[in-house]
Protein backbone atom coordinates (compact mmCIF):
# COMPACT_ATOMS: atom_id res chain seq x y z
CA MET A 1 0.03 0.07 0.09
CA ALA A 2 1.46 3.23 -1.04
CA SER A 3 1.21 6.58 1.14
CA PHE A 4 1.87 10.33 0.39
CA GLU A 5 4.10 12.10 2.58
CA VAL A 6 3.14 15.79 2.44
CA ILE A 7 4.91 18.87 3.86
CA GLY A 8 2.29 21.60 3.93
CA GLY A 9 2.33 25.42 4.23
CA HIS A 10 3.64 26.24 0.94
CA PRO A 11 1.84 28.23 -1.68
CA LEU A 12 1.90 26.99 -5.44
CA LYS A 13 2.16 28.81 -8.51
CA GLY A 14 1.93 28.06 -12.16
CA GLU A 15 -0.24 26.35 -14.81
CA ILE A 16 -1.86 23.02 -14.90
CA ILE A 17 -3.71 21.04 -17.37
CA PRO A 18 -6.69 18.93 -16.41
CA GLN A 19 -6.68 15.16 -17.36
CA GLY A 20 -9.48 13.55 -19.45
CA ALA A 21 -12.66 13.06 -17.66
CA LYS A 22 -12.68 9.79 -15.73
CA ASN A 23 -16.39 9.70 -15.43
CA GLU A 24 -16.86 10.25 -19.25
CA ALA A 25 -14.14 7.65 -20.05
CA LEU A 26 -16.02 4.91 -18.52
CA GLN A 27 -18.81 5.28 -20.52
CA ILE A 28 -17.27 6.14 -24.02
CA LEU A 29 -14.84 3.01 -23.50
CA CYS A 30 -17.81 0.61 -23.11
CA ALA A 31 -19.41 2.11 -26.18
CA VAL A 32 -16.71 0.57 -28.60
CA LEU A 33 -18.53 -2.69 -27.85
CA LEU A 34 -21.27 -1.50 -29.99
CA THR A 35 -19.61 -1.73 -33.40
CA ASN A 36 -17.03 -3.96 -35.22
CA GLU A 37 -15.35 -1.00 -36.76
CA PRO A 38 -12.42 0.79 -35.26
CA VAL A 39 -13.25 3.73 -32.67
CA THR A 40 -10.18 6.08 -31.93
CA ILE A 41 -10.55 7.85 -28.45
CA SER A 42 -8.05 10.70 -27.23
CA ASN A 43 -7.72 12.58 -23.89
CA ILE A 44 -7.97 9.33 -22.19
CA PRO A 45 -6.75 9.76 -18.45
CA ASP A 46 -3.87 7.45 -17.46
CA ILE A 47 -5.50 6.26 -14.10
CA ARG A 48 -6.23 2.96 -12.52
CA ASP A 49 -9.94 2.81 -13.17
CA VAL A 50 -9.63 3.58 -16.80
CA ASN A 51 -6.53 1.52 -17.17
CA LYS A 52 -8.52 -1.54 -15.57
CA LEU A 53 -11.32 -1.07 -17.99
CA ILE A 54 -9.23 -0.96 -20.97
CA GLU A 55 -7.62 -4.25 -19.68
CA LEU A 56 -11.13 -5.74 -19.34
CA LEU A 57 -11.97 -4.88 -22.84
CA ARG A 58 -8.79 -6.29 -24.26
CA ASP A 59 -9.32 -9.53 -22.20
CA MET A 60 -12.82 -9.76 -23.73
CA GLY A 61 -11.26 -9.79 -27.15
CA VAL A 62 -11.31 -6.23 -28.20
CA LYS A 63 -8.28 -5.09 -30.08
CA VAL A 64 -6.54 -2.13 -28.48
CA GLY A 65 -3.83 -0.16 -30.05
CA LYS A 66 -2.04 2.73 -28.15
CA LEU A 67 -1.22 5.74 -30.75
CA ALA A 68 -0.11 8.17 -28.22
CA THR A 69 0.13 8.70 -24.59
CA ASP A 70 -3.60 9.61 -24.36
CA THR A 71 -5.05 8.14 -27.47
CA TYR A 72 -6.10 4.51 -28.29
CA VAL A 73 -7.82 2.83 -31.15
CA PHE A 74 -10.52 0.11 -30.31
CA GLN A 75 -11.80 -2.57 -32.41
CA ALA A 76 -14.57 -4.98 -30.94
CA ASP A 77 -14.77 -7.09 -33.98
CA SER A 78 -13.83 -10.58 -32.28
CA VAL A 79 -15.50 -10.23 -28.63
CA ASN A 80 -14.98 -13.58 -26.83
CA LEU A 81 -18.33 -14.31 -25.19
CA GLU A 82 -17.21 -17.30 -23.36
CA TYR A 83 -14.40 -15.02 -21.39
CA LEU A 84 -17.51 -13.75 -19.42
CA ASP A 85 -17.74 -17.22 -17.51
CA SER A 86 -14.25 -17.09 -16.55
CA GLU A 87 -13.02 -16.43 -13.04
CA GLN A 88 -10.81 -13.72 -14.23
CA PHE A 89 -13.65 -11.85 -15.59
CA VAL A 90 -15.43 -12.11 -12.35
CA ALA A 91 -12.51 -10.83 -10.45
CA GLN A 92 -12.10 -7.90 -12.92
CA GLY A 93 -15.84 -7.01 -12.78
CA ARG A 94 -15.89 -7.12 -9.00
CA ALA A 95 -12.87 -4.69 -8.87
CA LEU A 96 -14.22 -1.82 -11.00
CA ARG A 97 -17.40 0.08 -10.66
CA GLY A 98 -17.27 1.09 -14.29
CA SER A 99 -17.58 -2.50 -15.47
CA VAL A 100 -21.41 -2.23 -15.19
CA MET A 101 -21.58 -0.38 -18.27
CA ILE A 102 -20.80 -3.10 -20.49
CA LEU A 103 -24.15 -4.36 -19.91
CA GLY A 104 -26.07 -2.20 -22.38
CA PRO A 105 -23.59 -2.62 -25.28
CA MET A 106 -23.46 -6.41 -24.89
CA LEU A 107 -27.09 -6.97 -24.73
CA ALA A 108 -27.72 -4.72 -27.72
CA ARG A 109 -25.32 -6.24 -29.88
CA PHE A 110 -24.88 -9.82 -28.70
CA GLY A 111 -27.95 -10.65 -26.87
CA GLN A 112 -26.50 -11.46 -23.52
CA CYS A 113 -24.00 -10.51 -20.83
CA GLN A 114 -23.29 -11.46 -17.31
CA LEU A 115 -21.59 -9.27 -14.55
CA PRO A 116 -20.55 -9.75 -10.90
CA LYS A 117 -21.73 -7.02 -8.61
CA PRO A 118 -19.09 -4.22 -9.38
CA GLY A 119 -16.81 -2.62 -6.89
CA GLY A 120 -15.85 0.99 -6.75
CA ASP A 121 -15.84 3.47 -3.80
CA LYS A 122 -17.53 2.38 -0.51
CA ILE A 123 -19.58 5.48 -0.05
CA GLY A 124 -22.92 4.01 0.75
CA ARG A 125 -25.68 2.26 -1.04
CA ARG A 126 -25.44 2.20 -4.92
CA PRO A 127 -28.11 0.23 -6.26
CA LEU A 128 -28.13 -0.90 -10.00
CA ASP A 129 -31.82 -1.07 -10.18
CA THR A 130 -32.09 1.71 -12.70
CA HIS A 131 -29.76 -0.17 -15.07
CA PHE A 132 -31.60 -3.41 -14.86
CA LEU A 133 -35.16 -2.02 -14.82
CA GLY A 134 -34.30 0.09 -18.12
CA LEU A 135 -32.87 -3.04 -19.87
CA GLN A 136 -35.83 -5.19 -18.84
CA LYS A 137 -38.03 -2.65 -20.33
CA LEU A 138 -36.20 -2.99 -23.61
CA GLY A 139 -36.73 -6.93 -23.58
CA GLY A 140 -33.93 -8.14 -21.41
CA LYS A 141 -34.47 -11.23 -18.98
CA LEU A 142 -32.46 -10.90 -15.96
CA THR A 143 -31.57 -13.84 -13.71
CA LEU A 144 -29.91 -13.10 -10.39
CA GLU A 145 -27.44 -15.75 -9.08
CA GLY A 146 -27.02 -15.45 -5.29
CA ASN A 147 -26.89 -11.89 -4.36
CA ASP A 148 -24.04 -10.63 -6.38
CA PHE A 149 -24.08 -12.06 -9.93
CA TYR A 150 -26.42 -11.09 -12.73
CA ARG A 151 -27.14 -12.76 -16.11
CA ILE A 152 -29.37 -10.90 -18.74
CA ARG A 153 -30.46 -12.17 -21.92
CA THR A 154 -32.86 -11.34 -24.83
CA GLU A 155 -34.87 -13.43 -27.29
CA GLY A 156 -34.21 -11.76 -30.55
CA LYS A 157 -33.59 -7.97 -30.73
CA LEU A 158 -34.34 -5.52 -28.16
CA GLN A 159 -37.53 -3.65 -28.69
CA GLY A 160 -38.08 0.29 -28.15
CA THR A 161 -40.30 1.29 -25.53
CA TYR A 162 -41.28 4.29 -23.20
CA MET A 163 -39.63 4.53 -19.81
CA LEU A 164 -39.65 7.02 -16.94
CA LEU A 165 -36.69 6.50 -14.80
CA ASP A 166 -37.06 6.54 -11.15
CA GLU A 167 -33.65 8.40 -10.60
CA ALA A 168 -31.70 10.19 -13.26
CA SER A 169 -28.69 7.97 -12.91
CA VAL A 170 -25.86 9.03 -15.09
CA THR A 171 -24.49 5.34 -15.72
CA GLY A 172 -27.91 3.74 -15.77
CA THR A 173 -28.95 6.24 -18.57
CA ALA A 174 -25.79 5.54 -20.55
CA ASN A 175 -26.53 1.88 -20.29
CA ILE A 176 -30.15 2.38 -21.50
CA VAL A 177 -28.93 4.59 -24.34
CA MET A 178 -26.34 2.22 -25.51
CA ALA A 179 -28.73 -0.57 -25.64
CA ALA A 180 -31.74 1.39 -27.25
CA VAL A 181 -29.61 2.58 -30.16
CA LEU A 182 -29.54 -0.89 -31.74
CA ALA A 183 -33.22 -1.77 -30.58
CA ASP A 184 -36.09 -2.07 -32.93
CA GLY A 185 -38.29 0.82 -32.82
CA ILE A 186 -38.03 3.93 -31.00
CA THR A 187 -37.40 4.29 -27.16
CA THR A 188 -38.35 7.36 -25.13
CA VAL A 189 -36.36 7.96 -21.94
CA TYR A 190 -38.08 10.47 -19.61
CA ASN A 191 -36.02 11.71 -16.56
CA ALA A 192 -32.78 10.90 -18.13
CA ALA A 193 -29.44 12.03 -16.94
CA CYS A 194 -28.06 15.14 -18.89
CA GLU A 195 -24.74 15.57 -17.67
CA PRO A 196 -21.99 16.89 -20.04
CA TYR A 197 -20.44 13.26 -20.19
CA LEU A 198 -23.81 11.76 -20.98
CA GLN A 199 -24.13 14.35 -23.88
CA GLN A 200 -20.47 13.25 -25.01
CA LEU A 201 -21.59 9.72 -25.14
CA CYS A 202 -24.80 10.67 -27.04
CA LYS A 203 -23.04 12.78 -29.65
CA MET A 204 -20.25 10.00 -30.19
CA LEU A 205 -23.01 7.44 -30.66
CA VAL A 206 -24.75 9.99 -33.15
CA ARG A 207 -21.34 10.31 -35.23
CA MET A 208 -21.51 6.35 -35.22
CA GLY A 209 -24.80 6.37 -36.85
CA ALA A 210 -27.34 6.41 -33.99
CA LYS A 211 -30.40 8.50 -34.12
CA ILE A 212 -30.79 10.38 -30.79
CA ASN A 213 -32.94 13.49 -30.23
CA GLY A 214 -33.27 15.49 -27.03
CA ILE A 215 -29.39 15.39 -26.28
CA GLY A 216 -28.72 17.77 -23.20
CA SER A 217 -32.19 17.51 -21.85
CA ASN A 218 -33.97 14.88 -19.60
CA LEU A 219 -36.17 13.68 -22.41
CA LEU A 220 -34.25 11.42 -24.87
CA THR A 221 -35.85 9.85 -27.95
CA ILE A 222 -33.73 7.14 -29.59
CA GLU A 223 -34.66 5.50 -32.73
CA GLY A 224 -32.93 2.08 -33.22
CA VAL A 225 -30.73 1.51 -36.08
CA GLU A 226 -29.30 -1.93 -37.58
CA SER A 227 -25.67 -1.23 -36.85
CA LEU A 228 -23.11 1.47 -35.93
CA GLY A 229 -19.80 2.28 -37.50
CA GLY A 230 -16.54 3.56 -36.21
CA THR A 231 -15.66 7.23 -35.28
CA GLU A 232 -13.22 9.56 -33.58
CA HIS A 233 -13.98 11.06 -30.28
CA ARG A 234 -11.97 13.41 -27.83
CA MET A 235 -13.03 13.39 -24.28
CA LEU A 236 -13.68 16.65 -22.21
CA PRO A 237 -11.43 17.74 -19.43
CA ASP A 238 -12.28 16.40 -15.98
CA MET A 239 -14.63 18.76 -14.11
CA ILE A 240 -13.74 17.16 -10.88
CA GLU A 241 -10.25 17.73 -11.22
CA ILE A 242 -10.72 21.41 -12.36
CA GLY A 243 -12.83 21.82 -9.07
CA SER A 244 -10.22 20.22 -6.98
CA PHE A 245 -7.61 22.78 -8.53
CA ILE A 246 -9.74 25.67 -7.62
CA GLY A 247 -10.11 24.51 -4.09
CA LEU A 248 -6.37 23.74 -3.80
CA ALA A 249 -5.60 27.32 -5.01
CA ALA A 250 -7.80 28.79 -2.34
CA MET A 251 -6.74 26.68 0.48
CA THR A 252 -2.93 27.09 -0.02
CA GLY A 253 -3.12 30.86 -1.07
CA SER A 254 -1.85 29.87 -4.43
CA GLU A 255 -1.95 31.47 -7.91
CA ILE A 256 -2.93 28.78 -10.41
CA THR A 257 -3.97 28.88 -14.08
CA ILE A 258 -6.16 25.98 -15.13
CA LYS A 259 -5.50 25.53 -18.87
CA ASP A 260 -8.19 24.48 -21.56
CA ALA A 261 -10.93 24.07 -18.91
CA GLN A 262 -13.90 23.87 -21.36
CA ILE A 263 -15.58 26.52 -19.18
CA GLN A 264 -19.06 26.14 -20.73
CA GLU A 265 -19.21 22.57 -19.71
CA LEU A 266 -18.57 23.11 -15.99
CA GLY A 267 -22.13 24.22 -14.96
CA LEU A 268 -22.48 25.49 -11.38
CA ILE A 269 -18.87 24.68 -10.48
CA PRO A 270 -17.51 28.09 -10.83
CA ASP A 271 -20.40 30.05 -9.29
CA THR A 272 -20.34 27.53 -6.39
CA PHE A 273 -16.75 28.28 -5.54
CA ARG A 274 -17.41 32.03 -5.90
CA LYS A 275 -20.05 31.80 -3.37
CA MET A 276 -17.35 30.27 -1.05
CA GLY A 277 -15.52 33.58 -1.69
CA ILE A 278 -12.94 32.44 -4.24
CA GLN A 279 -11.87 34.89 -7.06
CA LEU A 280 -12.02 33.22 -10.49
CA GLU A 281 -11.04 34.97 -13.81
CA PHE A 282 -11.83 33.53 -17.14
CA ARG A 283 -9.13 34.02 -19.66
CA GLY A 284 -10.29 32.53 -22.79
CA ASP A 285 -10.95 28.90 -21.94
CA ASP A 286 -8.50 29.24 -19.14
CA ILE A 287 -9.22 29.65 -15.31
CA PHE A 288 -7.11 31.97 -13.42
CA ILE A 289 -7.22 31.82 -9.64
CA PRO A 290 -5.26 34.58 -7.88
CA ALA A 291 -3.51 34.08 -4.71
CA GLN A 292 -6.00 35.15 -1.74
CA ASP A 293 -5.01 35.66 1.98
CA HIS A 294 -8.80 35.39 2.55
CA TYR A 295 -12.02 34.44 1.30
CA GLN A 296 -15.32 34.74 2.80
CA ILE A 297 -18.39 32.36 2.44
CA ALA A 298 -21.74 34.16 1.14
CA THR A 299 -24.85 34.17 2.82
CA TYR A 300 -28.33 34.18 1.64
CA LEU A 301 -30.11 37.75 1.24
CA ASP A 302 -31.72 37.44 4.38
CA GLY A 303 -28.42 36.73 6.19
CA SER A 304 -29.10 33.03 6.87
CA ILE A 305 -26.26 30.44 6.40
CA LEU A 306 -25.47 29.29 3.09
CA THR A 307 -26.22 25.59 2.10
CA VAL A 308 -24.17 23.85 -0.46
CA SER A 309 -25.71 20.82 -1.57
CA ASP A 310 -25.58 18.11 -4.49
CA HIS A 311 -28.26 17.68 -7.31
CA THR A 312 -28.59 15.94 -10.77
CA TRP A 313 -27.28 18.04 -13.46
CA PRO A 314 -27.37 21.28 -13.90
CA GLY A 315 -27.03 21.11 -10.18
CA LEU A 316 -23.61 20.63 -8.45
CA THR A 317 -21.91 17.11 -9.04
CA PRO A 318 -21.73 15.21 -5.59
CA ASP A 319 -18.32 14.34 -6.41
CA LEU A 320 -17.18 18.15 -5.63
CA LEU A 321 -18.69 18.36 -1.96
CA SER A 322 -15.73 16.83 -0.39
CA ILE A 323 -13.56 19.62 -2.12
CA ILE A 324 -16.05 22.26 -0.98
CA LEU A 325 -16.31 21.03 2.58
CA VAL A 326 -12.40 21.11 2.92
CA VAL A 327 -12.22 24.67 1.33
CA ALA A 328 -14.71 25.96 3.86
CA THR A 329 -12.64 24.88 6.79
CA GLN A 330 -10.35 28.00 6.13
CA ALA A 331 -12.80 30.45 4.77
CA LYS A 332 -14.65 33.29 6.75
CA GLY A 333 -18.18 32.29 7.70
CA THR A 334 -20.28 29.24 8.12
CA VAL A 335 -21.78 26.78 5.62
CA LEU A 336 -24.12 23.56 5.65
CA ILE A 337 -22.80 20.98 3.26
CA HIS A 338 -25.62 18.61 2.31
CA GLN A 339 -24.71 15.41 0.63
CA LYS A 340 -28.02 13.97 -0.57
CA MET A 341 -26.93 11.09 -2.65
CA PHE A 342 -24.49 8.92 -0.59
CA GLU A 343 -24.76 8.38 3.12
CA SER A 344 -21.13 7.60 3.68
CA ARG A 345 -19.21 10.29 1.97
CA LEU A 346 -18.97 12.76 4.85
CA PHE A 347 -17.37 10.06 7.08
CA PHE A 348 -14.01 11.48 6.36
CA VAL A 349 -14.28 14.64 8.38
CA ASP A 350 -13.01 13.09 11.60
CA LYS A 351 -9.68 13.39 9.94
CA LEU A 352 -10.26 16.99 9.32
CA ILE A 353 -11.42 17.63 12.83
CA ASP A 354 -8.04 16.04 14.04
CA MET A 355 -6.31 18.49 12.11
CA GLY A 356 -8.06 21.32 13.70
CA ALA A 357 -11.03 22.08 11.55
CA GLN A 358 -14.29 23.13 13.25
CA ILE A 359 -16.93 20.66 11.63
CA ILE A 360 -20.33 19.41 13.38
CA LEU A 361 -21.23 16.17 11.61
CA CYS A 362 -24.94 16.78 12.05
CA ASP A 363 -26.04 13.13 10.33
CA PRO A 364 -24.60 10.88 7.44
CA HIS A 365 -25.73 13.57 4.97
CA ARG A 366 -25.01 16.88 6.47
CA ALA A 367 -21.77 18.63 8.12
CA THR A 368 -21.85 22.25 9.51
CA VAL A 369 -18.15 23.90 8.87
CA ILE A 370 -17.14 27.00 10.90
CA GLY A 371 -14.33 28.71 8.89
CA LEU A 372 -11.08 29.40 10.59
CA ASP A 373 -10.50 32.37 8.36
CA GLN A 374 -6.82 31.45 8.12
CA ARG A 375 -6.34 32.61 11.84
CA THR A 376 -5.54 28.96 12.80
CA ARG A 377 -3.77 26.75 10.38
CA LEU A 378 -4.62 23.05 10.03
CA HIS A 379 -1.77 20.90 11.23
CA GLY A 380 -0.47 17.73 9.77
CA ILE A 381 -1.44 14.34 10.85
CA SER A 382 -1.40 10.78 9.74
CA MET A 383 -4.71 9.48 8.03
CA THR A 384 -5.95 7.08 5.40
CA SER A 385 -7.84 7.88 2.16
CA PRO A 386 -11.22 6.28 2.15
CA ASP A 387 -12.13 6.99 -1.33
CA ILE A 388 -11.27 8.88 -4.57
CA ARG A 389 -12.88 12.27 -3.62
CA ALA A 390 -12.23 12.16 -0.09
CA GLY A 391 -8.43 11.23 -0.72
CA VAL A 392 -8.15 14.21 -2.66
CA ALA A 393 -9.69 16.47 -0.09
CA LEU A 394 -7.30 15.14 2.50
CA LEU A 395 -4.55 15.81 0.34
CA ILE A 396 -5.58 19.51 -0.40
CA ALA A 397 -6.01 19.97 3.57
CA ALA A 398 -2.25 18.49 4.08
CA LEU A 399 -0.80 20.91 1.39
CA SER A 400 -2.55 23.71 3.32
CA ALA A 401 -1.51 22.52 6.69
CA ASP A 402 1.46 23.34 8.89
CA GLY A 403 3.86 20.23 9.27
CA ARG A 404 4.16 16.86 8.06
CA SER A 405 1.13 14.83 7.09
CA VAL A 406 0.97 11.12 5.86
CA ILE A 407 -1.84 9.80 3.80
CA ASP A 408 -2.12 6.01 3.37
CA ASN A 409 -4.07 4.12 0.94
CA VAL A 410 -3.21 6.49 -1.92
CA GLU A 411 -4.20 3.98 -4.40
CA GLN A 412 -7.64 5.17 -4.10
CA ILE A 413 -6.45 8.48 -5.38
CA ASP A 414 -4.69 7.16 -8.13
CA ARG A 415 -7.90 5.46 -9.24
CA GLY A 416 -9.24 8.99 -10.43
CA TYR A 417 -6.21 11.48 -10.67
CA GLN A 418 -3.52 11.11 -13.23
CA PHE A 419 0.08 11.46 -11.54
CA ILE A 420 -1.28 13.63 -8.99
CA ASP A 421 2.01 14.01 -6.97
CA LYS A 422 4.18 14.87 -9.89
CA ARG A 423 1.85 17.29 -11.35
CA LEU A 424 1.32 19.28 -8.18
CA ASN A 425 5.26 19.06 -7.12
CA ALA A 426 5.75 20.90 -10.54
CA LEU A 427 3.74 23.80 -9.13
CA GLY A 428 5.79 23.95 -5.89
CA ALA A 429 4.08 21.17 -3.66
CA GLN A 430 6.00 19.00 -1.42
CA ILE A 431 4.62 15.49 -1.91
CA LYS A 432 6.61 12.31 -1.68
CA ARG A 433 5.28 8.96 -2.72
CA LEU A 434 6.28 6.35 -0.10
C-alpha cells in the first residue's frame, strides 16, 4: 500500500492542464462494444480505473492499440463471449464500478451479458436497479444468482419502448441509451441524466450512426438502427479535477491557472466556488485563480447560513462536495454541506477535525463547517484515504496544513487522478510517494 508524505504550508504557482474526464471515459470506452469498426478515442486519462477497464476490454477480445500517451484505437470485431464465464472476468468485474456499463452494449449487440456486482468507492448504497429495470423494459431477461451475480439475455432484438426513470442515474441512462441505439423501434427515456459526459456519449453515438434526439435534456428519443460504424472522439477535461484545483488554490493561497478548462461545460461549479469567496477569472478557456489571503462564504439575502448541496445536472456534482467542505474549513463564515446522494461520503471529516478544523457532523448527509479564516492553520497528521474524492480533499488539506502529513491508501487517489503528486510538485508542492 502506497502513501503520500506531504509537507504543507507552501503556496503553489503555475499552470496545470486537467486530465481527461474519468466519468466520461468509463462510458465512452464501453461504447466501443457497439460496433465491429475501429473507434479512436483521445484525451484518455492514465488512471487506475480507466486502465483496468481497458484491460478488461482487451481480455474480452477487443483489439486495443495505443497511438499516443492519451490516444487509443479500439476494435470489437472478435469479442469472446465465453470469457464472461471465466474466473478472471468475475475478478475484474468485482474490482471496477465502471464494468457495469458493458451491460447495455453487450445486450444490444450480442443478446447477452453477465456481470458480478461491481466494486468502486465504499460511499454508501449504490443500487443498480435503474440499469436493470431499463434493460428489462427493452426486453432483457434478468436472472440473479446468489446476491451478487447478474445474467441478462434477450430473445431476438431489443424492442423500443417508453420509460420514466425513477432516478436520473448517469451510468443507468448511459446503459439504457447504449442498448436502445440498436433496438427495434423508438425508445423514449424521461428523467434521463443530462450531464456533459452523457451528452458526450450521445454525440459520439450519433457520429457512429445512432439516431438520438433531445441530447442535453432529460427527455431522450432514440430511434434504433441496424448497426453502428466507427468514429473518432475526444473526451472533455475532468470537471472534478478542475474543481479540485480551484479548491487547492484557495486553501493554499496559491496563484494557479487551469488551462483548457472547457468552461461552458462546468455548469454551476465556478459559481459555487465564488459563493465560497474564491476569486476566479476566465481568460479565454483558461481559469485563473489569484492568490488570496482570505475568502469569505456568502450568505443568503436574509443573512441566513449558506447551504451547498449536490443535485442532478445542472446542479452541483456530488463528487465536488468533499472539496467544497475542505475549502470551507479555512474560509470566513459558516456553511452547511448537504450530501444528498451518498450516506457515507462525509465520514472522512473526522480526519479534518483531528487536523484542527471546526466541523459538526449533523448526520450521515449533513455537516456544518465553521471557517477558521486562516487565523488558525490546520496541522499535519497521519490519515488514510477512504475513497477517491475524500482522498484528494485530504491531500488538499495536508498541502495547506502546517507540518508533515502522511496519507495512506493513496491507490484510491490514483484511481481518479493522473500522476497527481508529480503534477502538483511541478507547481511547488512537497509530496513524496512512499
